[in-house]
Amino acid sequence: MHYLRAINQTTAQMESSQNIATIDLEEMVFYAYHGCFKEEQMVGNRFLVNISLQTEVSLPMQSDRIQDALNYVKVYDAVKEEMMITSHLLEHITGRIIERLMNDFPAILHARVKVSKMNPPMGGQMQNVSVTLER
């Protein structure tokens, strides 16, 4: 019984020593050529991408070194590359982005990606349409 209590205390101490941070990259703007209509792929449209990433930050908090942190400049570059690949559906774009982030950045514990198409051609007034994925 004392053995289990000691294990539980050690586990609780390890968990409490973690520093999980949320890093948000908000309203990244891209002009891209996504859509099901031929006109969308020729004329293009404005897209907003919002990303929320959770990562453990104990080491960079102490070291103050970019090498120890999730480099969000590289995250932005990965998103930009994915946005430049023409797709028909927001679901496809959003899925590619989250897949790329989870594969390229093992420090990411959880990701939320939202891709919005501004003024979509849907036959009515609308600010945007968006797709959000979490993993």
N, C-alpha and C. Protein backbone atom coordinates (compact mmCIF):
# COMPACT_ATOMS: atom_id res chain seq x y z
N MET A 1 0.82 -1.20 0.00
CA MET A 1 0.00 0.00 0.00
C MET A 1 0.87 1.26 0.00
N HIS A 2 1.92 1.27 0.82
CA HIS A 2 2.81 2.43 0.86
C HIS A 2 3.54 2.59 -0.47
N TYR A 3 3.84 1.44 -1.09
CA TYR A 3 4.53 1.46 -2.38
C TYR A 3 3.69 2.17 -3.44
N LEU A 4 2.37 1.85 -3.50
CA LEU A 4 1.48 2.48 -4.47
C LEU A 4 1.34 3.97 -4.19
N ARG A 5 1.28 4.36 -2.94
CA ARG A 5 1.17 5.77 -2.59
C ARG A 5 2.43 6.52 -3.04
N ALA A 6 3.59 5.89 -2.87
CA ALA A 6 4.85 6.52 -3.30
C ALA A 6 4.89 6.69 -4.81
N ILE A 7 4.41 5.68 -5.54
CA ILE A 7 4.36 5.78 -7.00
C ILE A 7 3.41 6.90 -7.42
N ASN A 8 2.24 6.97 -6.80
CA ASN A 8 1.28 8.02 -7.14
C ASN A 8 1.82 9.41 -6.83
N GLN A 9 2.55 9.56 -5.72
CA GLN A 9 3.14 10.85 -5.38
C GLN A 9 4.22 11.24 -6.39
N THR A 10 5.05 10.27 -6.78
CA THR A 10 6.10 10.54 -7.77
C THR A 10 5.49 10.93 -9.11
N THR A 11 4.45 10.22 -9.52
CA THR A 11 3.77 10.55 -10.78
C THR A 11 3.17 11.94 -10.70
N ALA A 12 2.53 12.27 -9.61
CA ALA A 12 1.93 13.60 -9.45
C ALA A 12 3.00 14.69 -9.47
N GLN A 13 4.16 14.43 -8.86
CA GLN A 13 5.24 15.42 -8.88
C GLN A 13 5.77 15.62 -10.29
N MET A 14 5.92 14.52 -11.05
CA MET A 14 6.41 14.63 -12.42
C MET A 14 5.42 15.42 -13.27
N GLU A 15 4.12 15.13 -13.10
CA GLU A 15 3.11 15.83 -13.89
C GLU A 15 3.06 17.30 -13.53
N SER A 16 3.21 17.63 -12.25
CA SER A 16 3.15 19.02 -11.85
C SER A 16 4.39 19.79 -12.26
N SER A 17 5.50 19.09 -12.55
CA SER A 17 6.71 19.78 -12.97
C SER A 17 6.69 20.10 -14.46
N GLN A 18 5.71 19.58 -15.19
CA GLN A 18 5.58 19.91 -16.61
C GLN A 18 4.97 21.30 -16.75
N ASN A 19 5.42 22.00 -17.73
CA ASN A 19 4.87 23.32 -18.06
C ASN A 19 4.33 23.25 -19.48
N ILE A 20 3.03 23.05 -19.58
CA ILE A 20 2.40 22.96 -20.89
C ILE A 20 1.91 24.35 -21.28
N ALA A 21 2.38 24.83 -22.41
CA ALA A 21 1.99 26.15 -22.90
C ALA A 21 1.15 26.00 -24.16
N THR A 22 0.32 26.99 -24.39
CA THR A 22 -0.43 27.08 -25.64
C THR A 22 0.19 28.21 -26.45
N ILE A 23 0.58 27.89 -27.66
CA ILE A 23 1.14 28.87 -28.59
C ILE A 23 0.12 29.08 -29.69
N ASP A 24 -0.32 30.32 -29.86
CA ASP A 24 -1.32 30.65 -30.87
C ASP A 24 -0.69 31.45 -32.01
N LEU A 25 -0.93 31.03 -33.22
CA LEU A 25 -0.60 31.81 -34.41
C LEU A 25 -1.94 32.24 -34.98
N GLU A 26 -2.26 33.51 -34.83
CA GLU A 26 -3.61 33.99 -35.10
C GLU A 26 -3.69 34.82 -36.38
N GLU A 27 -4.73 34.55 -37.12
CA GLU A 27 -5.10 35.30 -38.32
C GLU A 27 -3.95 35.47 -39.30
N MET A 28 -3.30 34.35 -39.60
CA MET A 28 -2.32 34.35 -40.68
C MET A 28 -3.11 34.51 -41.98
N VAL A 29 -2.73 35.46 -42.79
CA VAL A 29 -3.47 35.77 -44.02
C VAL A 29 -2.70 35.23 -45.22
N PHE A 30 -3.44 34.52 -46.08
CA PHE A 30 -2.85 33.98 -47.31
C PHE A 30 -3.79 34.28 -48.47
N TYR A 31 -3.23 34.60 -49.60
CA TYR A 31 -4.00 34.68 -50.83
C TYR A 31 -3.70 33.40 -51.58
N ALA A 32 -4.73 32.60 -51.83
CA ALA A 32 -4.51 31.29 -52.42
C ALA A 32 -5.64 30.95 -53.39
N TYR A 33 -5.50 29.83 -54.06
CA TYR A 33 -6.38 29.45 -55.16
C TYR A 33 -7.10 28.14 -54.86
N HIS A 34 -7.86 28.13 -53.76
CA HIS A 34 -8.59 26.94 -53.35
C HIS A 34 -10.07 27.11 -53.68
N GLY A 35 -10.72 26.00 -54.01
CA GLY A 35 -12.16 26.03 -54.23
C GLY A 35 -12.58 25.02 -55.28
N CYS A 36 -13.87 24.74 -55.29
CA CYS A 36 -14.42 23.76 -56.24
C CYS A 36 -14.72 24.38 -57.59
N PHE A 37 -14.90 25.71 -57.61
CA PHE A 37 -15.23 26.38 -58.87
C PHE A 37 -13.96 26.79 -59.60
N LYS A 38 -14.02 26.66 -60.92
CA LYS A 38 -12.87 27.01 -61.76
C LYS A 38 -12.46 28.47 -61.52
N GLU A 39 -13.45 29.35 -61.36
CA GLU A 39 -13.17 30.77 -61.12
C GLU A 39 -12.34 30.98 -59.85
N GLU A 40 -12.66 30.21 -58.80
CA GLU A 40 -11.91 30.34 -57.54
C GLU A 40 -10.45 29.96 -57.74
N GLN A 41 -10.23 28.95 -58.55
CA GLN A 41 -8.86 28.49 -58.77
C GLN A 41 -8.10 29.42 -59.72
N MET A 42 -8.81 30.26 -60.46
CA MET A 42 -8.15 31.22 -61.35
C MET A 42 -7.95 32.57 -60.67
N VAL A 43 -8.98 33.07 -60.01
CA VAL A 43 -8.95 34.40 -59.40
C VAL A 43 -8.34 34.36 -58.00
N GLY A 44 -8.61 33.30 -57.25
CA GLY A 44 -8.09 33.18 -55.89
C GLY A 44 -8.97 33.88 -54.88
N ASN A 45 -8.57 33.79 -53.64
CA ASN A 45 -9.33 34.36 -52.54
C ASN A 45 -8.41 34.53 -51.34
N ARG A 46 -8.92 35.26 -50.36
CA ARG A 46 -8.17 35.48 -49.13
C ARG A 46 -8.61 34.43 -48.10
N PHE A 47 -7.61 33.86 -47.42
CA PHE A 47 -7.85 32.84 -46.40
C PHE A 47 -7.18 33.27 -45.10
N LEU A 48 -7.83 32.95 -43.99
CA LEU A 48 -7.24 33.16 -42.67
C LEU A 48 -7.00 31.80 -42.05
N VAL A 49 -5.84 31.65 -41.42
CA VAL A 49 -5.51 30.41 -40.71
C VAL A 49 -5.19 30.77 -39.27
N ASN A 50 -5.85 30.07 -38.35
CA ASN A 50 -5.59 30.20 -36.92
C ASN A 50 -5.15 28.86 -36.39
N ILE A 51 -4.07 28.88 -35.63
CA ILE A 51 -3.51 27.64 -35.10
C ILE A 51 -3.27 27.81 -33.61
N SER A 52 -3.62 26.79 -32.85
CA SER A 52 -3.34 26.74 -31.43
C SER A 52 -2.59 25.44 -31.16
N LEU A 53 -1.41 25.55 -30.59
CA LEU A 53 -0.55 24.40 -30.36
C LEU A 53 -0.21 24.29 -28.89
N GLN A 54 -0.26 23.07 -28.36
CA GLN A 54 0.19 22.85 -26.99
C GLN A 54 1.52 22.11 -27.02
N THR A 55 2.44 22.58 -26.18
CA THR A 55 3.76 21.99 -26.12
C THR A 55 4.34 22.17 -24.72
N GLU A 56 5.25 21.30 -24.37
CA GLU A 56 5.93 21.36 -23.06
C GLU A 56 7.05 22.39 -23.17
N VAL A 57 7.09 23.34 -22.23
CA VAL A 57 8.04 24.46 -22.35
C VAL A 57 9.01 24.60 -21.18
N SER A 58 9.16 23.58 -20.36
CA SER A 58 10.06 23.70 -19.21
C SER A 58 11.48 24.04 -19.63
N LEU A 59 12.00 23.34 -20.63
CA LEU A 59 13.38 23.57 -21.07
C LEU A 59 13.58 24.97 -21.66
N PRO A 60 12.77 25.41 -22.62
CA PRO A 60 12.99 26.76 -23.14
C PRO A 60 12.73 27.86 -22.10
N MET A 61 11.88 27.59 -21.13
CA MET A 61 11.67 28.57 -20.05
C MET A 61 12.97 28.81 -19.29
N GLN A 62 13.73 27.73 -19.11
CA GLN A 62 14.98 27.83 -18.37
C GLN A 62 16.14 28.30 -19.25
N SER A 63 16.23 27.76 -20.46
CA SER A 63 17.42 28.00 -21.30
C SER A 63 17.36 29.29 -22.10
N ASP A 64 16.16 29.74 -22.45
CA ASP A 64 15.98 30.91 -23.31
C ASP A 64 16.65 30.72 -24.66
N ARG A 65 16.62 29.46 -25.17
CA ARG A 65 17.25 29.13 -26.46
C ARG A 65 16.18 28.63 -27.43
N ILE A 66 16.17 29.19 -28.61
CA ILE A 66 15.20 28.78 -29.63
C ILE A 66 15.35 27.31 -29.98
N GLN A 67 16.56 26.78 -29.87
CA GLN A 67 16.80 25.37 -30.19
C GLN A 67 16.02 24.44 -29.26
N ASP A 68 15.66 24.93 -28.08
CA ASP A 68 14.94 24.11 -27.10
C ASP A 68 13.42 24.29 -27.19
N ALA A 69 12.98 25.17 -28.07
CA ALA A 69 11.56 25.52 -28.13
C ALA A 69 10.93 25.06 -29.44
N LEU A 70 9.62 25.07 -29.46
CA LEU A 70 8.88 24.88 -30.70
C LEU A 70 9.05 26.18 -31.50
N ASN A 71 9.69 26.08 -32.64
CA ASN A 71 10.02 27.27 -33.43
C ASN A 71 8.81 27.65 -34.27
N TYR A 72 8.09 28.69 -33.85
CA TYR A 72 6.86 29.02 -34.56
C TYR A 72 7.11 29.74 -35.87
N VAL A 73 8.32 30.18 -36.14
CA VAL A 73 8.65 30.66 -37.49
C VAL A 73 8.61 29.49 -38.47
N LYS A 74 9.16 28.35 -38.04
CA LYS A 74 9.13 27.15 -38.89
C LYS A 74 7.70 26.61 -39.02
N VAL A 75 6.91 26.75 -37.96
CA VAL A 75 5.50 26.36 -38.03
C VAL A 75 4.79 27.20 -39.10
N TYR A 76 5.00 28.51 -39.05
CA TYR A 76 4.40 29.41 -40.05
C TYR A 76 4.82 29.01 -41.46
N ASP A 77 6.10 28.75 -41.64
CA ASP A 77 6.60 28.36 -42.97
C ASP A 77 5.93 27.08 -43.47
N ALA A 78 5.72 26.12 -42.58
CA ALA A 78 5.05 24.87 -42.97
C ALA A 78 3.60 25.14 -43.39
N VAL A 79 2.91 25.99 -42.63
CA VAL A 79 1.53 26.34 -42.98
C VAL A 79 1.50 27.05 -44.33
N LYS A 80 2.40 27.97 -44.54
CA LYS A 80 2.47 28.71 -45.81
C LYS A 80 2.67 27.76 -46.99
N GLU A 81 3.57 26.81 -46.84
CA GLU A 81 3.80 25.83 -47.91
C GLU A 81 2.54 25.04 -48.23
N GLU A 82 1.82 24.62 -47.20
CA GLU A 82 0.58 23.85 -47.42
C GLU A 82 -0.50 24.71 -48.07
N MET A 83 -0.56 25.98 -47.69
CA MET A 83 -1.57 26.87 -48.27
C MET A 83 -1.32 27.15 -49.74
N MET A 84 -0.11 26.98 -50.20
CA MET A 84 0.22 27.24 -51.60
C MET A 84 -0.11 26.06 -52.51
N ILE A 85 -0.50 24.93 -51.93
CA ILE A 85 -0.91 23.77 -52.73
C ILE A 85 -2.42 23.87 -52.97
N THR A 86 -2.81 24.03 -54.22
CA THR A 86 -4.22 24.22 -54.56
C THR A 86 -5.04 22.98 -54.19
N SER A 87 -6.18 23.25 -53.55
CA SER A 87 -7.11 22.18 -53.14
C SER A 87 -8.54 22.62 -53.44
N HIS A 88 -9.43 21.66 -53.51
CA HIS A 88 -10.84 21.96 -53.71
C HIS A 88 -11.53 22.30 -52.38
N LEU A 89 -11.22 21.55 -51.33
CA LEU A 89 -11.99 21.63 -50.09
C LEU A 89 -11.18 22.17 -48.92
N LEU A 90 -11.84 22.95 -48.06
CA LEU A 90 -11.21 23.42 -46.83
C LEU A 90 -10.83 22.25 -45.93
N GLU A 91 -11.65 21.20 -45.95
CA GLU A 91 -11.35 20.02 -45.14
C GLU A 91 -10.00 19.42 -45.53
N HIS A 92 -9.72 19.41 -46.82
CA HIS A 92 -8.46 18.86 -47.32
C HIS A 92 -7.28 19.73 -46.90
N ILE A 93 -7.43 21.03 -47.06
CA ILE A 93 -6.36 21.97 -46.67
C ILE A 93 -6.08 21.84 -45.17
N THR A 94 -7.14 21.90 -44.37
CA THR A 94 -7.00 21.84 -42.92
C THR A 94 -6.37 20.53 -42.49
N GLY A 95 -6.79 19.43 -43.11
CA GLY A 95 -6.22 18.12 -42.80
C GLY A 95 -4.75 18.03 -43.14
N ARG A 96 -4.38 18.58 -44.28
CA ARG A 96 -2.96 18.58 -44.67
C ARG A 96 -2.12 19.38 -43.68
N ILE A 97 -2.63 20.54 -43.27
CA ILE A 97 -1.87 21.39 -42.34
C ILE A 97 -1.67 20.68 -41.01
N ILE A 98 -2.73 20.13 -40.43
CA ILE A 98 -2.59 19.50 -39.11
C ILE A 98 -1.70 18.26 -39.20
N GLU A 99 -1.83 17.52 -40.29
CA GLU A 99 -0.97 16.34 -40.48
C GLU A 99 0.50 16.75 -40.57
N ARG A 100 0.77 17.78 -41.33
CA ARG A 100 2.15 18.28 -41.49
C ARG A 100 2.72 18.73 -40.15
N LEU A 101 1.94 19.49 -39.40
CA LEU A 101 2.42 19.99 -38.12
C LEU A 101 2.72 18.85 -37.15
N MET A 102 1.82 17.88 -37.07
CA MET A 102 2.02 16.77 -36.13
C MET A 102 3.21 15.91 -36.55
N ASN A 103 3.45 15.78 -37.85
CA ASN A 103 4.58 14.98 -38.33
C ASN A 103 5.91 15.71 -38.23
N ASP A 104 5.92 16.99 -38.56
CA ASP A 104 7.17 17.74 -38.61
C ASP A 104 7.64 18.27 -37.26
N PHE A 105 6.73 18.39 -36.30
CA PHE A 105 7.07 19.00 -35.02
C PHE A 105 6.64 18.08 -33.88
N PRO A 106 7.51 17.12 -33.51
CA PRO A 106 7.15 16.16 -32.46
C PRO A 106 6.89 16.79 -31.10
N ALA A 107 7.31 18.02 -30.90
CA ALA A 107 7.08 18.70 -29.62
C ALA A 107 5.61 19.10 -29.44
N ILE A 108 4.83 19.07 -30.51
CA ILE A 108 3.42 19.44 -30.42
C ILE A 108 2.65 18.30 -29.76
N LEU A 109 1.99 18.60 -28.65
CA LEU A 109 1.19 17.62 -27.93
C LEU A 109 -0.26 17.61 -28.42
N HIS A 110 -0.75 18.77 -28.79
CA HIS A 110 -2.13 18.92 -29.25
C HIS A 110 -2.16 20.09 -30.22
N ALA A 111 -2.96 19.96 -31.27
CA ALA A 111 -3.06 21.04 -32.25
C ALA A 111 -4.52 21.29 -32.61
N ARG A 112 -4.82 22.54 -32.83
CA ARG A 112 -6.13 22.96 -33.33
C ARG A 112 -5.86 23.88 -34.52
N VAL A 113 -6.41 23.54 -35.67
CA VAL A 113 -6.18 24.31 -36.90
C VAL A 113 -7.54 24.72 -37.47
N LYS A 114 -7.67 26.01 -37.74
CA LYS A 114 -8.90 26.54 -38.35
C LYS A 114 -8.51 27.29 -39.62
N VAL A 115 -9.11 26.90 -40.74
CA VAL A 115 -8.88 27.57 -42.02
C VAL A 115 -10.20 28.20 -42.45
N SER A 116 -10.17 29.50 -42.73
CA SER A 116 -11.37 30.24 -43.13
C SER A 116 -11.18 30.82 -44.53
N LYS A 117 -12.21 30.66 -45.35
CA LYS A 117 -12.24 31.30 -46.68
C LYS A 117 -13.10 32.55 -46.54
N MET A 118 -12.53 33.69 -46.87
CA MET A 118 -13.23 34.95 -46.73
C MET A 118 -14.15 35.17 -47.94
N ASN A 119 -15.33 35.72 -47.70
CA ASN A 119 -16.31 36.02 -48.75
C ASN A 119 -16.49 34.87 -49.74
N PRO A 120 -16.89 33.70 -49.26
CA PRO A 120 -17.01 32.55 -50.17
C PRO A 120 -18.16 32.75 -51.16
N PRO A 121 -18.01 32.23 -52.37
CA PRO A 121 -19.06 32.37 -53.38
C PRO A 121 -20.18 31.36 -53.15
N MET A 122 -21.09 31.71 -52.23
CA MET A 122 -22.15 30.76 -51.86
C MET A 122 -23.54 31.28 -52.19
N GLY A 123 -23.63 32.34 -52.97
CA GLY A 123 -24.94 32.85 -53.36
C GLY A 123 -25.61 33.71 -52.31
N GLY A 124 -24.86 34.17 -51.31
CA GLY A 124 -25.41 35.03 -50.28
C GLY A 124 -24.29 35.75 -49.54
N GLN A 125 -24.68 36.72 -48.72
CA GLN A 125 -23.69 37.48 -47.96
C GLN A 125 -23.19 36.65 -46.78
N MET A 126 -21.88 36.55 -46.68
CA MET A 126 -21.27 35.78 -45.60
C MET A 126 -19.84 36.27 -45.44
N GLN A 127 -19.44 36.48 -44.20
CA GLN A 127 -18.07 36.93 -43.96
C GLN A 127 -17.06 35.85 -44.32
N ASN A 128 -17.32 34.62 -43.85
CA ASN A 128 -16.39 33.52 -44.15
C ASN A 128 -17.06 32.19 -43.87
N VAL A 129 -16.41 31.17 -44.35
CA VAL A 129 -16.75 29.79 -44.02
C VAL A 129 -15.45 29.15 -43.55
N SER A 130 -15.53 28.29 -42.54
CA SER A 130 -14.29 27.73 -42.00
C SER A 130 -14.45 26.28 -41.60
N VAL A 131 -13.30 25.62 -41.53
CA VAL A 131 -13.22 24.24 -41.05
C VAL A 131 -12.16 24.20 -39.96
N THR A 132 -12.49 23.54 -38.85
CA THR A 132 -11.57 23.42 -37.72
C THR A 132 -11.33 21.94 -37.43
N LEU A 133 -10.07 21.58 -37.28
CA LEU A 133 -9.69 20.21 -36.90
C LEU A 133 -8.83 20.26 -35.65
N GLU A 134 -8.96 19.22 -34.83
CA GLU A 134 -8.10 19.09 -33.64
C GLU A 134 -7.50 17.70 -33.63
N ARG A 135 -6.29 17.66 -33.12
CA ARG A 135 -5.63 16.37 -32.95
C ARG A 135 -4.70 16.47 -31.76
